[in-house]
Amino acid sequence: MISGTCHCKSVAFEIDKDTLSVRYCYCETCRKLSGADYSSVARVSRERFRITRGDENLLCYESRPGKNRFHCSKCFSPIYVITGNETTFLRVRLGLLDGEPKVDVTGHMWVSEKPAWRTIEDDLPIYTHEYTGDSLL
C-alpha cells in the first residue's frame, strides 16, 4: 500500500499497489501548473486509488475539455488528474507520496512540448505525446 498527502495534509490518499509505473511528463499544462520543467506521474487504476481524508477539500479545474485536475482547496497541491477518454485510470503526482515507494520509471511523454533547454540524458523510451499503453498498469 502506498500513501500520500497534499502539502497541508488536508487531503490524504492510498494506492493499493506495491510498485508504481511512472512517466515524466513535459506537457505545457503540467509545467505551468507545477512550475517545474516536467512532472513525475503514475497512471493508476481508479479501483486502486482511494481518498482517505479530505474529499471535501478537493477542487476540480478543467485544464482542457475532458481533462479534470483535482487539487487541495487549502494548499493548492495537485492531487490527481482524470482524462475523459481514460475512464478507468487517473494520474497521480509522485511528489505527494509518503516515504520512498517503489517506482519503475518507464519513459518520457509529451516530449513535443518539452522546453529546448531541458535535456533528456537517459535511454528510456520517448513519446511525442501522451502514452496510455498497458505497460503503465
N, C-alpha and C. Protein backbone atom coordinates (compact mmCIF):
# COMPACT_ATOMS: atom_id res chain seq x y z
N MET A 1 0.85 -1.18 0.00
CA MET A 1 0.00 0.00 0.00
C MET A 1 0.89 1.24 0.00
N ILE A 2 0.58 2.17 -0.87
CA ILE A 2 1.31 3.43 -0.97
C ILE A 2 0.38 4.55 -0.50
N SER A 3 0.90 5.46 0.31
CA SER A 3 0.07 6.56 0.81
C SER A 3 0.68 7.89 0.39
N GLY A 4 -0.16 8.93 0.44
CA GLY A 4 0.31 10.26 0.11
C GLY A 4 -0.61 11.32 0.67
N THR A 5 -0.11 12.55 0.70
CA THR A 5 -0.90 13.69 1.17
C THR A 5 -0.53 14.93 0.37
N CYS A 6 -1.40 15.92 0.48
CA CYS A 6 -1.06 17.23 -0.04
C CYS A 6 -0.10 17.90 0.95
N HIS A 7 0.36 19.09 0.64
CA HIS A 7 1.32 19.78 1.49
C HIS A 7 0.78 20.05 2.89
N CYS A 8 -0.47 20.50 2.99
CA CYS A 8 -1.03 20.84 4.30
C CYS A 8 -1.66 19.64 5.00
N LYS A 9 -1.65 18.50 4.35
CA LYS A 9 -2.18 17.24 4.89
C LYS A 9 -3.70 17.24 5.06
N SER A 10 -4.39 18.16 4.42
CA SER A 10 -5.86 18.17 4.46
C SER A 10 -6.46 17.08 3.58
N VAL A 11 -5.71 16.67 2.56
CA VAL A 11 -6.15 15.59 1.67
C VAL A 11 -5.13 14.46 1.77
N ALA A 12 -5.63 13.25 2.00
CA ALA A 12 -4.77 12.07 2.05
C ALA A 12 -5.37 11.00 1.14
N PHE A 13 -4.49 10.13 0.62
CA PHE A 13 -4.97 9.08 -0.27
C PHE A 13 -4.11 7.84 -0.12
N GLU A 14 -4.61 6.74 -0.66
CA GLU A 14 -3.88 5.47 -0.71
C GLU A 14 -3.97 4.90 -2.11
N ILE A 15 -2.91 4.18 -2.48
CA ILE A 15 -2.88 3.45 -3.74
C ILE A 15 -2.58 2.01 -3.39
N ASP A 16 -3.46 1.12 -3.80
CA ASP A 16 -3.32 -0.30 -3.47
C ASP A 16 -2.40 -0.98 -4.47
N LYS A 17 -1.11 -0.67 -4.36
CA LYS A 17 -0.07 -1.26 -5.22
C LYS A 17 1.23 -1.25 -4.44
N ASP A 18 2.15 -2.11 -4.86
CA ASP A 18 3.48 -2.13 -4.26
C ASP A 18 4.48 -1.29 -5.05
N THR A 19 4.31 -1.28 -6.38
CA THR A 19 5.22 -0.56 -7.27
C THR A 19 4.40 0.26 -8.25
N LEU A 20 4.84 1.47 -8.53
CA LEU A 20 4.16 2.34 -9.48
C LEU A 20 4.97 2.49 -10.76
N SER A 21 4.30 2.41 -11.90
CA SER A 21 4.92 2.71 -13.18
C SER A 21 4.80 4.21 -13.42
N VAL A 22 5.92 4.84 -13.72
CA VAL A 22 6.00 6.30 -13.76
C VAL A 22 6.48 6.77 -15.12
N ARG A 23 5.93 7.89 -15.55
CA ARG A 23 6.40 8.60 -16.74
C ARG A 23 6.74 10.03 -16.34
N TYR A 24 7.69 10.59 -17.03
CA TYR A 24 7.99 12.01 -16.89
C TYR A 24 7.20 12.74 -17.97
N CYS A 25 6.37 13.71 -17.56
CA CYS A 25 5.50 14.43 -18.49
C CYS A 25 6.02 15.85 -18.70
N TYR A 26 6.18 16.23 -19.96
CA TYR A 26 6.70 17.55 -20.32
C TYR A 26 5.62 18.44 -20.93
N CYS A 27 4.35 18.07 -20.82
CA CYS A 27 3.30 18.89 -21.44
C CYS A 27 3.28 20.28 -20.82
N GLU A 28 2.88 21.24 -21.61
CA GLU A 28 2.88 22.63 -21.14
C GLU A 28 1.98 22.82 -19.93
N THR A 29 0.85 22.13 -19.90
CA THR A 29 -0.08 22.29 -18.78
C THR A 29 0.55 21.82 -17.48
N CYS A 30 1.17 20.64 -17.48
CA CYS A 30 1.84 20.16 -16.26
C CYS A 30 2.93 21.12 -15.83
N ARG A 31 3.69 21.63 -16.79
CA ARG A 31 4.77 22.55 -16.45
C ARG A 31 4.22 23.85 -15.85
N LYS A 32 3.17 24.39 -16.45
CA LYS A 32 2.60 25.65 -15.95
C LYS A 32 1.98 25.47 -14.57
N LEU A 33 1.30 24.34 -14.35
CA LEU A 33 0.62 24.13 -13.07
C LEU A 33 1.57 23.74 -11.94
N SER A 34 2.74 23.20 -12.30
CA SER A 34 3.68 22.78 -11.25
C SER A 34 4.82 23.78 -11.06
N GLY A 35 5.10 24.57 -12.08
CA GLY A 35 6.24 25.48 -12.02
C GLY A 35 7.57 24.78 -12.24
N ALA A 36 7.52 23.53 -12.66
CA ALA A 36 8.74 22.74 -12.90
C ALA A 36 8.86 22.41 -14.38
N ASP A 37 10.03 21.93 -14.78
CA ASP A 37 10.24 21.63 -16.20
C ASP A 37 9.59 20.33 -16.65
N TYR A 38 9.18 19.47 -15.72
CA TYR A 38 8.40 18.27 -16.03
C TYR A 38 7.76 17.77 -14.75
N SER A 39 6.79 16.86 -14.92
CA SER A 39 6.13 16.25 -13.76
C SER A 39 6.35 14.75 -13.79
N SER A 40 6.55 14.16 -12.63
CA SER A 40 6.64 12.71 -12.50
C SER A 40 5.25 12.22 -12.12
N VAL A 41 4.65 11.42 -13.01
CA VAL A 41 3.27 10.98 -12.80
C VAL A 41 3.15 9.47 -12.91
N ALA A 42 2.25 8.91 -12.11
CA ALA A 42 1.95 7.48 -12.16
C ALA A 42 0.52 7.32 -12.64
N ARG A 43 0.32 6.43 -13.59
CA ARG A 43 -1.02 6.10 -14.09
C ARG A 43 -1.52 4.94 -13.24
N VAL A 44 -2.64 5.17 -12.54
CA VAL A 44 -3.15 4.23 -11.55
C VAL A 44 -4.60 3.90 -11.86
N SER A 45 -4.96 2.64 -11.72
CA SER A 45 -6.35 2.24 -11.86
C SER A 45 -7.19 2.95 -10.81
N ARG A 46 -8.35 3.47 -11.20
CA ARG A 46 -9.22 4.16 -10.24
C ARG A 46 -9.64 3.22 -9.11
N GLU A 47 -9.74 1.94 -9.41
CA GLU A 47 -10.12 0.96 -8.39
C GLU A 47 -9.06 0.83 -7.30
N ARG A 48 -7.82 1.19 -7.61
CA ARG A 48 -6.72 1.06 -6.65
C ARG A 48 -6.39 2.36 -5.92
N PHE A 49 -7.13 3.42 -6.24
CA PHE A 49 -6.89 4.74 -5.65
C PHE A 49 -8.07 5.10 -4.75
N ARG A 50 -7.75 5.61 -3.56
CA ARG A 50 -8.82 5.96 -2.62
C ARG A 50 -8.42 7.19 -1.81
N ILE A 51 -9.31 8.18 -1.77
CA ILE A 51 -9.13 9.33 -0.89
C ILE A 51 -9.48 8.87 0.52
N THR A 52 -8.56 9.01 1.46
CA THR A 52 -8.80 8.55 2.83
C THR A 52 -9.13 9.70 3.78
N ARG A 53 -8.86 10.92 3.36
CA ARG A 53 -9.18 12.09 4.19
C ARG A 53 -9.29 13.31 3.28
N GLY A 54 -10.29 14.13 3.56
CA GLY A 54 -10.37 15.43 2.91
C GLY A 54 -11.02 15.49 1.55
N ASP A 55 -11.85 14.52 1.22
CA ASP A 55 -12.54 14.56 -0.07
C ASP A 55 -13.27 15.90 -0.26
N GLU A 56 -13.78 16.44 0.84
CA GLU A 56 -14.49 17.72 0.78
C GLU A 56 -13.56 18.89 0.49
N ASN A 57 -12.25 18.68 0.59
CA ASN A 57 -11.27 19.74 0.33
C ASN A 57 -10.75 19.73 -1.11
N LEU A 58 -11.27 18.84 -1.94
CA LEU A 58 -10.81 18.76 -3.32
C LEU A 58 -11.57 19.74 -4.20
N LEU A 59 -10.83 20.46 -5.02
CA LEU A 59 -11.40 21.32 -6.04
C LEU A 59 -11.00 20.78 -7.40
N CYS A 60 -11.86 20.96 -8.39
CA CYS A 60 -11.58 20.47 -9.74
C CYS A 60 -11.38 21.64 -10.69
N TYR A 61 -10.35 21.53 -11.52
CA TYR A 61 -10.07 22.51 -12.56
C TYR A 61 -10.01 21.76 -13.89
N GLU A 62 -10.83 22.15 -14.85
CA GLU A 62 -10.81 21.52 -16.17
C GLU A 62 -9.79 22.27 -17.03
N SER A 63 -8.59 21.68 -17.16
CA SER A 63 -7.50 22.36 -17.85
C SER A 63 -7.69 22.38 -19.36
N ARG A 64 -8.45 21.45 -19.87
CA ARG A 64 -8.89 21.43 -21.26
C ARG A 64 -10.14 20.55 -21.28
N PRO A 65 -10.94 20.62 -22.31
CA PRO A 65 -12.19 19.84 -22.31
C PRO A 65 -11.94 18.36 -22.00
N GLY A 66 -12.58 17.88 -20.94
CA GLY A 66 -12.47 16.48 -20.56
C GLY A 66 -11.29 16.13 -19.68
N LYS A 67 -10.42 17.08 -19.38
CA LYS A 67 -9.26 16.79 -18.53
C LYS A 67 -9.43 17.54 -17.21
N ASN A 68 -9.77 16.79 -16.17
CA ASN A 68 -10.07 17.36 -14.86
C ASN A 68 -8.92 17.14 -13.90
N ARG A 69 -8.44 18.24 -13.33
CA ARG A 69 -7.32 18.21 -12.38
C ARG A 69 -7.86 18.56 -11.00
N PHE A 70 -7.62 17.66 -10.05
CA PHE A 70 -8.10 17.85 -8.69
C PHE A 70 -6.95 18.29 -7.80
N HIS A 71 -7.19 19.33 -7.01
CA HIS A 71 -6.16 19.85 -6.12
C HIS A 71 -6.79 20.20 -4.78
N CYS A 72 -5.94 20.36 -3.78
CA CYS A 72 -6.39 20.72 -2.44
C CYS A 72 -6.85 22.18 -2.44
N SER A 73 -8.01 22.42 -1.85
CA SER A 73 -8.54 23.79 -1.82
C SER A 73 -7.82 24.68 -0.81
N LYS A 74 -7.02 24.08 0.06
CA LYS A 74 -6.32 24.87 1.09
C LYS A 74 -4.89 25.22 0.68
N CYS A 75 -4.10 24.22 0.25
CA CYS A 75 -2.70 24.48 -0.10
C CYS A 75 -2.45 24.44 -1.61
N PHE A 76 -3.46 24.04 -2.37
CA PHE A 76 -3.43 24.01 -3.83
C PHE A 76 -2.50 22.95 -4.42
N SER A 77 -2.06 21.99 -3.62
CA SER A 77 -1.27 20.88 -4.17
C SER A 77 -2.10 20.12 -5.20
N PRO A 78 -1.50 19.79 -6.36
CA PRO A 78 -2.22 18.97 -7.34
C PRO A 78 -2.26 17.53 -6.84
N ILE A 79 -3.44 16.93 -6.77
CA ILE A 79 -3.58 15.58 -6.21
C ILE A 79 -3.64 14.53 -7.32
N TYR A 80 -4.61 14.66 -8.24
CA TYR A 80 -4.71 13.70 -9.34
C TYR A 80 -5.40 14.33 -10.53
N VAL A 81 -5.30 13.63 -11.67
CA VAL A 81 -5.87 14.08 -12.93
C VAL A 81 -6.70 12.95 -13.52
N ILE A 82 -7.87 13.31 -14.02
CA ILE A 82 -8.71 12.35 -14.75
C ILE A 82 -8.92 12.91 -16.15
N THR A 83 -8.64 12.07 -17.15
CA THR A 83 -8.84 12.45 -18.53
C THR A 83 -10.10 11.75 -19.03
N GLY A 84 -10.96 12.49 -19.70
CA GLY A 84 -12.25 11.99 -20.16
C GLY A 84 -12.21 10.69 -20.94
N ASN A 85 -11.18 10.49 -21.77
CA ASN A 85 -11.12 9.28 -22.57
C ASN A 85 -10.52 8.09 -21.82
N GLU A 86 -10.02 8.31 -20.62
CA GLU A 86 -9.47 7.24 -19.78
C GLU A 86 -10.39 7.06 -18.58
N THR A 87 -11.43 6.28 -18.75
CA THR A 87 -12.45 6.18 -17.70
C THR A 87 -12.05 5.29 -16.54
N THR A 88 -11.03 4.47 -16.69
CA THR A 88 -10.66 3.55 -15.62
C THR A 88 -9.36 3.91 -14.92
N PHE A 89 -8.70 4.99 -15.36
CA PHE A 89 -7.40 5.36 -14.79
C PHE A 89 -7.38 6.83 -14.38
N LEU A 90 -6.45 7.14 -13.50
CA LEU A 90 -6.15 8.52 -13.16
C LEU A 90 -4.64 8.64 -13.04
N ARG A 91 -4.16 9.87 -12.95
CA ARG A 91 -2.72 10.12 -12.82
C ARG A 91 -2.46 10.85 -11.51
N VAL A 92 -1.44 10.38 -10.81
CA VAL A 92 -1.07 10.94 -9.51
C VAL A 92 0.35 11.48 -9.60
N ARG A 93 0.60 12.64 -9.00
CA ARG A 93 1.94 13.23 -8.96
C ARG A 93 2.78 12.54 -7.89
N LEU A 94 3.97 12.14 -8.23
CA LEU A 94 4.83 11.40 -7.30
C LEU A 94 5.29 12.23 -6.12
N GLY A 95 5.40 13.53 -6.27
CA GLY A 95 5.86 14.37 -5.17
C GLY A 95 4.96 14.35 -3.95
N LEU A 96 3.77 13.82 -4.07
CA LEU A 96 2.82 13.75 -2.96
C LEU A 96 2.98 12.49 -2.12
N LEU A 97 3.73 11.52 -2.61
CA LEU A 97 3.81 10.22 -1.94
C LEU A 97 4.65 10.28 -0.68
N ASP A 98 4.21 9.52 0.32
CA ASP A 98 4.94 9.42 1.58
C ASP A 98 6.07 8.40 1.46
N GLY A 99 7.16 8.64 2.17
CA GLY A 99 8.26 7.68 2.20
C GLY A 99 8.94 7.53 0.86
N GLU A 100 9.44 6.34 0.62
CA GLU A 100 10.17 6.02 -0.61
C GLU A 100 9.53 4.82 -1.29
N PRO A 101 8.37 4.99 -1.92
CA PRO A 101 7.72 3.85 -2.57
C PRO A 101 8.54 3.37 -3.76
N LYS A 102 8.32 2.12 -4.12
CA LYS A 102 8.99 1.55 -5.29
C LYS A 102 8.36 2.13 -6.55
N VAL A 103 9.21 2.61 -7.44
CA VAL A 103 8.73 3.12 -8.73
C VAL A 103 9.56 2.52 -9.85
N ASP A 104 8.93 2.37 -10.99
CA ASP A 104 9.58 1.90 -12.19
C ASP A 104 9.37 2.98 -13.25
N VAL A 105 10.41 3.76 -13.51
CA VAL A 105 10.30 4.84 -14.49
C VAL A 105 10.37 4.22 -15.87
N THR A 106 9.31 4.46 -16.67
CA THR A 106 9.17 3.76 -17.95
C THR A 106 9.26 4.66 -19.17
N GLY A 107 9.50 5.95 -19.00
CA GLY A 107 9.68 6.78 -20.18
C GLY A 107 9.32 8.24 -19.99
N HIS A 108 9.41 8.95 -21.10
CA HIS A 108 9.14 10.39 -21.17
C HIS A 108 7.96 10.60 -22.12
N MET A 109 6.95 11.39 -21.72
CA MET A 109 5.82 11.65 -22.61
C MET A 109 5.62 13.15 -22.81
N TRP A 110 4.93 13.47 -23.87
CA TRP A 110 4.70 14.85 -24.29
C TRP A 110 6.03 15.58 -24.53
N VAL A 111 6.98 14.86 -25.08
CA VAL A 111 8.28 15.45 -25.38
C VAL A 111 8.16 16.52 -26.46
N SER A 112 7.08 16.46 -27.24
CA SER A 112 6.84 17.50 -28.26
C SER A 112 6.67 18.88 -27.63
N GLU A 113 6.35 18.95 -26.33
CA GLU A 113 6.17 20.23 -25.65
C GLU A 113 7.30 20.53 -24.66
N LYS A 114 8.34 19.73 -24.67
CA LYS A 114 9.48 19.91 -23.77
C LYS A 114 10.22 21.19 -24.14
N PRO A 115 10.61 21.99 -23.15
CA PRO A 115 11.41 23.18 -23.47
C PRO A 115 12.76 22.77 -24.07
N ALA A 116 13.25 23.55 -25.00
CA ALA A 116 14.51 23.23 -25.67
C ALA A 116 15.67 23.14 -24.69
N TRP A 117 15.64 23.91 -23.61
CA TRP A 117 16.74 23.92 -22.65
C TRP A 117 16.74 22.69 -21.74
N ARG A 118 15.66 21.90 -21.74
CA ARG A 118 15.59 20.70 -20.89
C ARG A 118 16.09 19.51 -21.70
N THR A 119 17.18 18.92 -21.26
CA THR A 119 17.73 17.77 -21.98
C THR A 119 17.30 16.47 -21.31
N ILE A 120 17.22 15.42 -22.11
CA ILE A 120 16.93 14.08 -21.61
C ILE A 120 18.22 13.29 -21.72
N GLU A 121 18.70 12.79 -20.60
CA GLU A 121 20.01 12.15 -20.57
C GLU A 121 19.95 10.69 -20.15
N ASP A 122 18.88 10.00 -20.53
CA ASP A 122 18.80 8.57 -20.25
C ASP A 122 18.31 7.85 -21.51
N ASP A 123 18.21 6.55 -21.43
CA ASP A 123 17.81 5.75 -22.58
C ASP A 123 16.37 5.26 -22.50
N LEU A 124 15.56 5.89 -21.66
CA LEU A 124 14.17 5.49 -21.53
C LEU A 124 13.40 5.83 -22.81
N PRO A 125 12.31 5.11 -23.09
CA PRO A 125 11.51 5.42 -24.28
C PRO A 125 10.99 6.86 -24.25
N ILE A 126 10.90 7.45 -25.44
CA ILE A 126 10.43 8.82 -25.59
C ILE A 126 9.16 8.80 -26.44
N TYR A 127 8.11 9.47 -25.95
CA TYR A 127 6.83 9.54 -26.65
C TYR A 127 6.53 11.00 -26.95
N THR A 128 6.24 11.28 -28.21
CA THR A 128 5.96 12.64 -28.66
C THR A 128 4.77 13.23 -27.91
N HIS A 129 3.75 12.40 -27.69
CA HIS A 129 2.54 12.83 -27.00
C HIS A 129 2.30 11.94 -25.79
N GLU A 130 1.06 11.84 -25.39
CA GLU A 130 0.70 11.04 -24.22
C GLU A 130 0.80 9.55 -24.53
N TYR A 131 1.26 8.79 -23.56
CA TYR A 131 1.33 7.34 -23.69
C TYR A 131 0.35 6.72 -22.72
N THR A 132 -0.52 5.84 -23.23
CA THR A 132 -1.52 5.21 -22.36
C THR A 132 -1.47 3.69 -22.49
N GLY A 133 -0.35 3.14 -22.89
CA GLY A 133 -0.24 1.70 -23.08
C GLY A 133 -0.38 0.90 -21.81
N ASP A 134 -0.66 -0.37 -21.98
CA ASP A 134 -0.89 -1.26 -20.85
C ASP A 134 0.31 -1.43 -19.95
N SER A 135 1.50 -1.09 -20.41
CA SER A 135 2.68 -1.26 -19.57
C SER A 135 2.65 -0.35 -18.34
N LEU A 136 1.74 0.60 -18.32
CA LEU A 136 1.66 1.51 -17.17
C LEU A 136 0.67 1.03 -16.12
N LEU A 137 0.03 -0.09 -16.35
CA LEU A 137 -1.00 -0.55 -15.41
C LEU A 137 -0.41 -0.93 -14.08
